[in-house]
């Protein structure tokens, strides 16, 4: 298959002062993940790193005020669409429960890579999985059939309550398992900002059918999120959402996955 070339591969929008969302528009909804750049006083923070299809670091540098400033890269969980470019950064952070898959990634680029139960869930929501999960290439040389994502060895493991700081902002690590055992969020309680990874989205179907997922853990995570006094939530997919939207989405999940529910 000959794919059209999209260059630049990424798009970026500043969603609020000092926070950019970076996306890969030519990817299927399933892997159309958000990469979040938070500019900090002493160091910048990157939350998730996308699919690794094109080099991320050079694009990120165009958005930074000072490219010589240190940058911390955090993976909210181990799936390819969130951790595939983690290796490009010197400081690489995630939860220990997801460390092995980050180092030895599971491919997610072809329809055949998608777990059948996840493919069924996406189709039911109107997003059928395609043979290839991209509609373009980042260059003429890029070949989806020979592309292999690079794993990354973490330089720091974080758990519940650990802090990640930029000098002017402090993010507390929240353990938010369910999507994967090591799913985490980053919570700035001073500003009411939560980066939640794939714990909850504003629109897309919540994926709990993957082999990495656990419904009971997901339910506990949803209950926790409902009680969190967020101002804004920057998720792993879809637009950012306010607290009322997050609570609604969490409540819908709990109703669908309550004991005895047909969902």
C-alpha atoms as a PDB file:
ATOM      1  CA  UNK A   1       0.000   0.000   0.000  1.00  0.00           C
ATOM      2  CA  UNK A   2       1.328   3.450  -0.926  1.00  0.00           C
ATOM      3  CA  UNK A   3       0.434   6.030   1.678  1.00  0.00           C
ATOM      4  CA  UNK A   4       0.361   9.801   1.220  1.00  0.00           C
ATOM      5  CA  UNK A   5       3.030  11.652   3.183  1.00  0.00           C
ATOM      6  CA  UNK A   6       2.102  14.031   5.984  1.00  0.00           C
ATOM      7  CA  UNK A   7       4.885  16.389   7.060  1.00  0.00           C
ATOM      8  CA  UNK A   8       4.876  17.595   9.756  1.00  0.00           C
ATOM      9  CA  UNK A   9       3.403  14.453  11.248  1.00  0.00           C
ATOM     10  CA  UNK A  10       2.247  16.174  14.437  1.00  0.00           C
ATOM     11  CA  UNK A  11      -0.112  19.018  15.242  1.00  0.00           C
ATOM     12  CA  UNK A  12      -0.042  21.112  18.416  1.00  0.00           C
ATOM     13  CA  UNK A  13      -2.539  23.435  20.104  1.00  0.00           C
ATOM     14  CA  UNK A  14      -2.014  25.465  23.286  1.00  0.00           C
ATOM     15  CA  UNK A  15      -5.101  24.548  25.324  1.00  0.00           C
ATOM     16  CA  UNK A  16      -4.270  26.834  28.246  1.00  0.00           C
ATOM     17  CA  UNK A  17      -1.223  28.958  29.083  1.00  0.00           C
ATOM     18  CA  UNK A  18       1.848  26.752  29.237  1.00  0.00           C
ATOM     19  CA  UNK A  19       0.095  23.524  28.184  1.00  0.00           C
ATOM     20  CA  UNK A  20       0.121  22.181  24.617  1.00  0.00           C
ATOM     21  CA  UNK A  21      -1.637  19.102  23.305  1.00  0.00           C
ATOM     22  CA  UNK A  22       0.212  17.285  20.522  1.00  0.00           C
ATOM     23  CA  UNK A  23      -1.620  14.823  18.265  1.00  0.00           C
ATOM     24  CA  UNK A  24      -1.037  12.577  15.244  1.00  0.00           C
ATOM     25  CA  UNK A  25      -4.059  13.382  13.031  1.00  0.00           C
ATOM     26  CA  UNK A  26      -3.474  10.576  10.523  1.00  0.00           C
ATOM     27  CA  UNK A  27      -4.010   7.817  13.095  1.00  0.00           C
ATOM     28  CA  UNK A  28      -7.149   5.776  13.730  1.00  0.00           C
ATOM     29  CA  UNK A  29      -9.347   6.861  16.647  1.00  0.00           C
ATOM     30  CA  UNK A  30      -8.103   3.889  18.671  1.00  0.00           C
ATOM     31  CA  UNK A  31      -4.518   5.188  18.675  1.00  0.00           C
ATOM     32  CA  UNK A  32      -5.193   8.921  18.215  1.00  0.00           C
ATOM     33  CA  UNK A  33      -3.661   9.722  21.576  1.00  0.00           C
ATOM     34  CA  UNK A  34      -2.850  13.044  23.209  1.00  0.00           C
ATOM     35  CA  UNK A  35       0.695  14.033  24.114  1.00  0.00           C
ATOM     36  CA  UNK A  36       0.782  16.842  26.686  1.00  0.00           C
ATOM     37  CA  UNK A  37       3.645  19.338  26.996  1.00  0.00           C
ATOM     38  CA  UNK A  38       3.698  21.373  30.205  1.00  0.00           C
ATOM     39  CA  UNK A  39       6.204  24.222  30.199  1.00  0.00           C
ATOM     40  CA  UNK A  40       7.779  24.688  33.617  1.00  0.00           C
ATOM     41  CA  UNK A  41      10.114  27.178  35.248  1.00  0.00           C
ATOM     42  CA  UNK A  42      13.023  24.787  35.854  1.00  0.00           C
ATOM     43  CA  UNK A  43      12.078  21.823  33.673  1.00  0.00           C
ATOM     44  CA  UNK A  44       9.367  20.917  31.202  1.00  0.00           C
ATOM     45  CA  UNK A  45       7.051  17.926  31.515  1.00  0.00           C
ATOM     46  CA  UNK A  46       5.835  15.652  28.734  1.00  0.00           C
ATOM     47  CA  UNK A  47       2.857  13.452  29.581  1.00  0.00           C
ATOM     48  CA  UNK A  48       2.790  10.464  27.202  1.00  0.00           C
ATOM     49  CA  UNK A  49       4.755  10.223  23.976  1.00  0.00           C
ATOM     50  CA  UNK A  50       2.516   8.912  21.195  1.00  0.00           C
ATOM     51  CA  UNK A  51       2.951   6.098  18.686  1.00  0.00           C
ATOM     52  CA  UNK A  52       6.608   6.529  17.763  1.00  0.00           C
ATOM     53  CA  UNK A  53       5.756   6.681  14.056  1.00  0.00           C
ATOM     54  CA  UNK A  54       7.774   9.887  13.580  1.00  0.00           C
ATOM     55  CA  UNK A  55      10.460  11.387  15.841  1.00  0.00           C
ATOM     56  CA  UNK A  56       8.674  13.290  18.596  1.00  0.00           C
ATOM     57  CA  UNK A  57      11.560  15.067  20.307  1.00  0.00           C
ATOM     58  CA  UNK A  58      12.375  17.471  17.422  1.00  0.00           C
ATOM     59  CA  UNK A  59       8.738  18.569  17.225  1.00  0.00           C
ATOM     60  CA  UNK A  60       8.511  19.061  20.990  1.00  0.00           C
ATOM     61  CA  UNK A  61      11.608  21.262  20.887  1.00  0.00           C
ATOM     62  CA  UNK A  62       9.836  23.703  18.546  1.00  0.00           C
ATOM     63  CA  UNK A  63       7.259  24.317  21.287  1.00  0.00           C
ATOM     64  CA  UNK A  64       9.666  24.879  24.165  1.00  0.00           C
ATOM     65  CA  UNK A  65      10.808  28.329  25.309  1.00  0.00           C
ATOM     66  CA  UNK A  66      14.276  27.009  26.160  1.00  0.00           C
ATOM     67  CA  UNK A  67      15.377  23.780  24.445  1.00  0.00           C
ATOM     68  CA  UNK A  68      18.359  23.528  26.858  1.00  0.00           C
ATOM     69  CA  UNK A  69      16.016  23.157  29.843  1.00  0.00           C
ATOM     70  CA  UNK A  70      15.623  19.570  31.140  1.00  0.00           C
ATOM     71  CA  UNK A  71      12.484  17.724  30.096  1.00  0.00           C
ATOM     72  CA  UNK A  72      10.798  14.890  31.983  1.00  0.00           C
ATOM     73  CA  UNK A  73       8.809  12.319  29.973  1.00  0.00           C
ATOM     74  CA  UNK A  74       6.104  10.360  31.804  1.00  0.00           C
ATOM     75  CA  UNK A  75       4.078   7.468  30.411  1.00  0.00           C
ATOM     76  CA  UNK A  76       0.640   7.240  32.002  1.00  0.00           C
ATOM     77  CA  UNK A  77       0.610   3.574  30.973  1.00  0.00           C
ATOM     78  CA  UNK A  78       2.308   1.041  28.744  1.00  0.00           C
ATOM     79  CA  UNK A  79       0.231   0.924  25.552  1.00  0.00           C
ATOM     80  CA  UNK A  80       2.022   1.774  22.321  1.00  0.00           C
ATOM     81  CA  UNK A  81      -0.002   4.880  21.531  1.00  0.00           C
ATOM     82  CA  UNK A  82       1.205   6.458  24.789  1.00  0.00           C
ATOM     83  CA  UNK A  83       4.727   5.169  25.308  1.00  0.00           C
ATOM     84  CA  UNK A  84       6.334   4.482  21.928  1.00  0.00           C
ATOM     85  CA  UNK A  85       8.572   7.583  21.862  1.00  0.00           C
ATOM     86  CA  UNK A  86       9.538   7.469  25.524  1.00  0.00           C
ATOM     87  CA  UNK A  87      13.006   6.237  24.539  1.00  0.00           C
ATOM     88  CA  UNK A  88      13.766   9.606  22.898  1.00  0.00           C
ATOM     89  CA  UNK A  89      13.979  11.371  26.263  1.00  0.00           C
ATOM     90  CA  UNK A  90      16.655  11.232  28.951  1.00  0.00           C
ATOM     91  CA  UNK A  91      14.270  11.152  31.928  1.00  0.00           C
ATOM     92  CA  UNK A  92      11.686   8.377  31.471  1.00  0.00           C
ATOM     93  CA  UNK A  93       9.088   7.785  34.173  1.00  0.00           C
ATOM     94  CA  UNK A  94       6.230   5.305  34.668  1.00  0.00           C
ATOM     95  CA  UNK A  95       4.699   2.927  37.206  1.00  0.00           C
ATOM     96  CA  UNK A  96       6.612  -0.311  37.911  1.00  0.00           C
ATOM     97  CA  UNK A  97       3.596  -2.492  37.029  1.00  0.00           C
ATOM     98  CA  UNK A  98       3.810  -1.279  33.403  1.00  0.00           C
ATOM     99  CA  UNK A  99       7.601  -1.138  33.130  1.00  0.00           C
ATOM    100  CA  UNK A 100       8.061  -4.495  31.423  1.00  0.00           C
ATOM    101  CA  UNK A 101       5.647  -3.764  28.568  1.00  0.00           C
ATOM    102  CA  UNK A 102       7.215  -0.322  28.076  1.00  0.00           C
ATOM    103  CA  UNK A 103      10.592  -2.022  27.682  1.00  0.00           C
ATOM    104  CA  UNK A 104       9.155  -4.801  25.493  1.00  0.00           C
ATOM    105  CA  UNK A 105       6.283  -3.095  23.641  1.00  0.00           C
ATOM    106  CA  UNK A 106       3.285  -4.833  22.128  1.00  0.00           C
ATOM    107  CA  UNK A 107       2.633  -3.659  18.513  1.00  0.00           C
ATOM    108  CA  UNK A 108      -0.489  -1.653  17.781  1.00  0.00           C
ATOM    109  CA  UNK A 109      -0.349  -0.463  14.187  1.00  0.00           C
ATOM    110  CA  UNK A 110      -2.362  -2.987  12.144  1.00  0.00           C
ATOM    111  CA  UNK A 111      -5.916  -4.140  12.631  1.00  0.00           C
ATOM    112  CA  UNK A 112      -4.561  -7.614  13.321  1.00  0.00           C
ATOM    113  CA  UNK A 113      -2.685  -6.184  16.333  1.00  0.00           C
ATOM    114  CA  UNK A 114      -5.939  -5.127  18.020  1.00  0.00           C
ATOM    115  CA  UNK A 115      -7.356  -7.489  20.625  1.00  0.00           C
ATOM    116  CA  UNK A 116     -10.649  -8.896  19.246  1.00  0.00           C
ATOM    117  CA  UNK A 117     -12.759  -7.748  22.202  1.00  0.00           C
ATOM    118  CA  UNK A 118     -11.372  -4.212  21.812  1.00  0.00           C
ATOM    119  CA  UNK A 119     -12.062  -4.261  18.067  1.00  0.00           C
ATOM    120  CA  UNK A 120     -15.653  -5.330  18.782  1.00  0.00           C
ATOM    121  CA  UNK A 121     -16.090  -2.521  21.326  1.00  0.00           C
ATOM    122  CA  UNK A 122     -14.757   0.080  18.907  1.00  0.00           C
ATOM    123  CA  UNK A 123     -17.050  -1.168  16.119  1.00  0.00           C
ATOM    124  CA  UNK A 124     -20.085  -1.001  18.400  1.00  0.00           C
ATOM    125  CA  UNK A 125     -19.286   2.653  19.114  1.00  0.00           C
ATOM    126  CA  UNK A 126     -18.932   3.508  15.416  1.00  0.00           C
ATOM    127  CA  UNK A 127     -15.149   3.269  15.076  1.00  0.00           C
ATOM    128  CA  UNK A 128     -14.504   0.022  13.177  1.00  0.00           C
ATOM    129  CA  UNK A 129     -10.878  -1.063  13.185  1.00  0.00           C
ATOM    130  CA  UNK A 130      -9.155  -0.846   9.797  1.00  0.00           C
ATOM    131  CA  UNK A 131      -6.436  -3.062   8.330  1.00  0.00           C
ATOM    132  CA  UNK A 132      -3.908  -0.291   8.933  1.00  0.00           C
ATOM    133  CA  UNK A 133      -4.338   2.165  11.804  1.00  0.00           C
ATOM    134  CA  UNK A 134      -2.787   5.090   9.934  1.00  0.00           C
ATOM    135  CA  UNK A 135      -3.930   6.922   6.807  1.00  0.00           C
ATOM    136  CA  UNK A 136      -0.588   8.504   5.911  1.00  0.00           C
ATOM    137  CA  UNK A 137       3.157   8.134   6.442  1.00  0.00           C
ATOM    138  CA  UNK A 138       5.584  10.628   8.016  1.00  0.00           C
ATOM    139  CA  UNK A 139       8.000  10.208   5.079  1.00  0.00           C
ATOM    140  CA  UNK A 140       8.325   8.355   1.792  1.00  0.00           C
ATOM    141  CA  UNK A 141      10.785   5.955   3.410  1.00  0.00           C
ATOM    142  CA  UNK A 142       8.482   4.900   6.260  1.00  0.00           C
ATOM    143  CA  UNK A 143       6.982   1.449   5.786  1.00  0.00           C
ATOM    144  CA  UNK A 144       4.215   0.259   8.132  1.00  0.00           C
ATOM    145  CA  UNK A 145       5.066  -3.376   7.423  1.00  0.00           C
ATOM    146  CA  UNK A 146       8.652  -3.041   8.618  1.00  0.00           C
ATOM    147  CA  UNK A 147       8.147  -0.449  11.352  1.00  0.00           C
ATOM    148  CA  UNK A 148       9.006  -1.718  14.840  1.00  0.00           C
ATOM    149  CA  UNK A 149       8.555   0.542  17.831  1.00  0.00           C
ATOM    150  CA  UNK A 150      11.435   1.015  20.243  1.00  0.00           C
ATOM    151  CA  UNK A 151      11.136  -0.025  23.862  1.00  0.00           C
ATOM    152  CA  UNK A 152      12.414   2.146  26.688  1.00  0.00           C
ATOM    153  CA  UNK A 153      14.102   1.385  29.985  1.00  0.00           C
ATOM    154  CA  UNK A 154      12.681   3.624  32.687  1.00  0.00           C
ATOM    155  CA  UNK A 155      15.010   5.915  34.608  1.00  0.00           C
ATOM    156  CA  UNK A 156      12.534   6.389  37.484  1.00  0.00           C
ATOM    157  CA  UNK A 157       9.672   4.309  38.825  1.00  0.00           C
ATOM    158  CA  UNK A 158       6.811   6.131  40.546  1.00  0.00           C
ATOM    159  CA  UNK A 159       3.994   5.019  42.796  1.00  0.00           C
ATOM    160  CA  UNK A 160       0.981   6.563  44.492  1.00  0.00           C
ATOM    161  CA  UNK A 161       1.871   9.835  46.208  1.00  0.00           C
ATOM    162  CA  UNK A 162       5.213  10.432  44.504  1.00  0.00           C
ATOM    163  CA  UNK A 163       5.794  13.962  43.225  1.00  0.00           C
ATOM    164  CA  UNK A 164       6.923  15.180  39.800  1.00  0.00           C
ATOM    165  CA  UNK A 165       7.899  18.850  39.856  1.00  0.00           C
ATOM    166  CA  UNK A 166       8.688  21.483  37.240  1.00  0.00           C
ATOM    167  CA  UNK A 167       9.840  24.191  39.648  1.00  0.00           C
ATOM    168  CA  UNK A 168       6.618  26.184  39.560  1.00  0.00           C
ATOM    169  CA  UNK A 169       4.185  23.245  39.527  1.00  0.00           C
ATOM    170  CA  UNK A 170       3.984  20.031  41.514  1.00  0.00           C
ATOM    171  CA  UNK A 171       2.138  16.964  40.246  1.00  0.00           C
ATOM    172  CA  UNK A 172       1.236  14.137  42.594  1.00  0.00           C
ATOM    173  CA  UNK A 173       1.141  10.656  41.109  1.00  0.00           C
ATOM    174  CA  UNK A 174      -2.267   8.980  41.428  1.00  0.00           C
ATOM    175  CA  UNK A 175      -2.561   5.238  40.926  1.00  0.00           C
ATOM    176  CA  UNK A 176      -5.501   4.778  38.511  1.00  0.00           C
ATOM    177  CA  UNK A 177      -5.475   1.088  37.544  1.00  0.00           C
ATOM    178  CA  UNK A 178      -8.080  -0.573  35.364  1.00  0.00           C
ATOM    179  CA  UNK A 179      -6.950   0.140  31.819  1.00  0.00           C
ATOM    180  CA  UNK A 180      -3.573  -1.330  32.760  1.00  0.00           C
ATOM    181  CA  UNK A 181      -2.249  -2.374  36.190  1.00  0.00           C
ATOM    182  CA  UNK A 182       0.199   0.532  36.218  1.00  0.00           C
ATOM    183  CA  UNK A 183      -2.026   3.300  34.869  1.00  0.00           C
ATOM    184  CA  UNK A 184      -1.322   6.603  36.617  1.00  0.00           C
ATOM    185  CA  UNK A 185      -2.551  10.171  36.639  1.00  0.00           C
ATOM    186  CA  UNK A 186      -0.725  13.403  37.463  1.00  0.00           C
ATOM    187  CA  UNK A 187      -2.645  15.728  39.786  1.00  0.00           C
ATOM    188  CA  UNK A 188      -1.840  19.405  40.383  1.00  0.00           C
ATOM    189  CA  UNK A 189      -4.155  20.173  43.278  1.00  0.00           C
ATOM    190  CA  UNK A 190      -3.040  23.810  43.443  1.00  0.00           C
ATOM    191  CA  UNK A 191      -4.439  24.450  39.959  1.00  0.00           C
ATOM    192  CA  UNK A 192      -7.054  21.687  39.772  1.00  0.00           C
ATOM    193  CA  UNK A 193      -5.404  20.099  36.725  1.00  0.00           C
ATOM    194  CA  UNK A 194      -5.445  16.342  36.186  1.00  0.00           C
ATOM    195  CA  UNK A 195      -3.674  14.383  33.474  1.00  0.00           C
ATOM    196  CA  UNK A 196      -5.557  11.090  33.620  1.00  0.00           C
ATOM    197  CA  UNK A 197      -4.161   8.994  30.753  1.00  0.00           C
ATOM    198  CA  UNK A 198      -6.738   6.421  29.660  1.00  0.00           C
ATOM    199  CA  UNK A 199      -8.630   6.285  32.946  1.00  0.00           C
ATOM    200  CA  UNK A 200     -11.524   8.268  31.444  1.00  0.00           C
ATOM    201  CA  UNK A 201     -12.235  10.199  28.235  1.00  0.00           C
ATOM    202  CA  UNK A 202     -14.752  12.862  27.251  1.00  0.00           C
ATOM    203  CA  UNK A 203     -16.125  10.928  24.251  1.00  0.00           C
ATOM    204  CA  UNK A 204     -14.504   7.667  23.170  1.00  0.00           C
ATOM    205  CA  UNK A 205     -15.558   4.271  24.518  1.00  0.00           C
ATOM    206  CA  UNK A 206     -13.628   3.361  27.653  1.00  0.00           C
ATOM    207  CA  UNK A 207     -11.507   0.326  26.887  1.00  0.00           C
ATOM    208  CA  UNK A 208     -11.655  -2.315  29.604  1.00  0.00           C
ATOM    209  CA  UNK A 209     -11.704  -5.375  27.322  1.00  0.00           C
ATOM    210  CA  UNK A 210      -7.930  -5.579  26.808  1.00  0.00           C
ATOM    211  CA  UNK A 211      -5.860  -8.354  28.429  1.00  0.00           C
ATOM    212  CA  UNK A 212      -4.202  -5.609  30.494  1.00  0.00           C
ATOM    213  CA  UNK A 213      -7.543  -4.402  31.873  1.00  0.00           C
ATOM    214  CA  UNK A 214      -9.466  -5.219  35.033  1.00  0.00           C
ATOM    215  CA  UNK A 215     -13.066  -4.078  35.550  1.00  0.00           C
ATOM    216  CA  UNK A 216     -13.005  -4.118  39.366  1.00  0.00           C
ATOM    217  CA  UNK A 217      -9.891  -1.948  39.412  1.00  0.00           C
ATOM    218  CA  UNK A 218     -11.523   0.345  36.867  1.00  0.00           C
ATOM    219  CA  UNK A 219     -14.601   0.719  39.067  1.00  0.00           C
ATOM    220  CA  UNK A 220     -12.442   1.725  42.031  1.00  0.00           C
ATOM    221  CA  UNK A 221     -10.630   4.258  39.843  1.00  0.00           C
ATOM    222  CA  UNK A 222     -13.918   5.776  38.663  1.00  0.00           C
ATOM    223  CA  UNK A 223     -15.139   6.139  42.240  1.00  0.00           C
ATOM    224  CA  UNK A 224     -11.895   7.868  43.141  1.00  0.00           C
ATOM    225  CA  UNK A 225     -12.081  10.271  40.210  1.00  0.00           C
ATOM    226  CA  UNK A 226     -15.646  11.289  41.046  1.00  0.00           C
ATOM    227  CA  UNK A 227     -14.412  12.620  44.408  1.00  0.00           C
ATOM    228  CA  UNK A 228     -11.464  14.547  42.949  1.00  0.00           C
ATOM    229  CA  UNK A 229     -12.059  18.351  42.888  1.00  0.00           C
ATOM    230  CA  UNK A 230     -10.698  18.883  39.387  1.00  0.00           C
ATOM    231  CA  UNK A 231     -10.955  22.114  37.408  1.00  0.00           C
ATOM    232  CA  UNK A 232      -9.938  20.555  34.111  1.00  0.00           C
ATOM    233  CA  UNK A 233      -8.991  17.054  32.968  1.00  0.00           C
ATOM    234  CA  UNK A 234      -6.503  16.457  30.169  1.00  0.00           C
ATOM    235  CA  UNK A 235      -7.062  12.859  29.078  1.00  0.00           C
ATOM    236  CA  UNK A 236      -5.133  10.425  26.916  1.00  0.00           C
ATOM    237  CA  UNK A 237      -7.688  10.778  24.092  1.00  0.00           C
ATOM    238  CA  UNK A 238     -10.374  13.292  23.101  1.00  0.00           C
ATOM    239  CA  UNK A 239     -10.741  16.955  24.126  1.00  0.00           C
ATOM    240  CA  UNK A 240     -10.120  18.154  27.660  1.00  0.00           C
ATOM    241  CA  UNK A 241     -13.130  18.136  29.961  1.00  0.00           C
ATOM    242  CA  UNK A 242     -14.451  19.930  33.022  1.00  0.00           C
ATOM    243  CA  UNK A 243     -15.381  18.248  36.276  1.00  0.00           C
ATOM    244  CA  UNK A 244     -19.059  17.768  35.437  1.00  0.00           C
ATOM    245  CA  UNK A 245     -18.189  15.947  32.210  1.00  0.00           C
ATOM    246  CA  UNK A 246     -15.676  13.739  34.011  1.00  0.00           C
ATOM    247  CA  UNK A 247     -18.179  12.860  36.735  1.00  0.00           C
ATOM    248  CA  UNK A 248     -20.828  12.067  34.122  1.00  0.00           C
ATOM    249  CA  UNK A 249     -18.472   9.771  32.220  1.00  0.00           C
ATOM    250  CA  UNK A 250     -17.345   8.010  35.400  1.00  0.00           C
ATOM    251  CA  UNK A 251     -20.939   7.573  36.532  1.00  0.00           C
ATOM    252  CA  UNK A 252     -21.946   6.124  33.163  1.00  0.00           C
ATOM    253  CA  UNK A 253     -19.135   3.610  33.396  1.00  0.00           C
ATOM    254  CA  UNK A 254     -20.112   2.582  36.920  1.00  0.00           C
ATOM    255  CA  UNK A 255     -23.721   2.079  35.847  1.00  0.00           C
ATOM    256  CA  UNK A 256     -22.656   0.024  32.840  1.00  0.00           C
ATOM    257  CA  UNK A 257     -20.228  -2.117  34.816  1.00  0.00           C
ATOM    258  CA  UNK A 258     -22.169  -2.429  38.060  1.00  0.00           C
ATOM    259  CA  UNK A 259     -22.584  -5.997  39.388  1.00  0.00           C
ATOM    260  CA  UNK A 260     -25.463  -7.638  37.550  1.00  0.00           C
ATOM    261  CA  UNK A 261     -25.439  -5.083  34.732  1.00  0.00           C
ATOM    262  CA  UNK A 262     -25.881  -6.391  31.190  1.00  0.00           C
ATOM    263  CA  UNK A 263     -23.144  -3.990  30.030  1.00  0.00           C
END
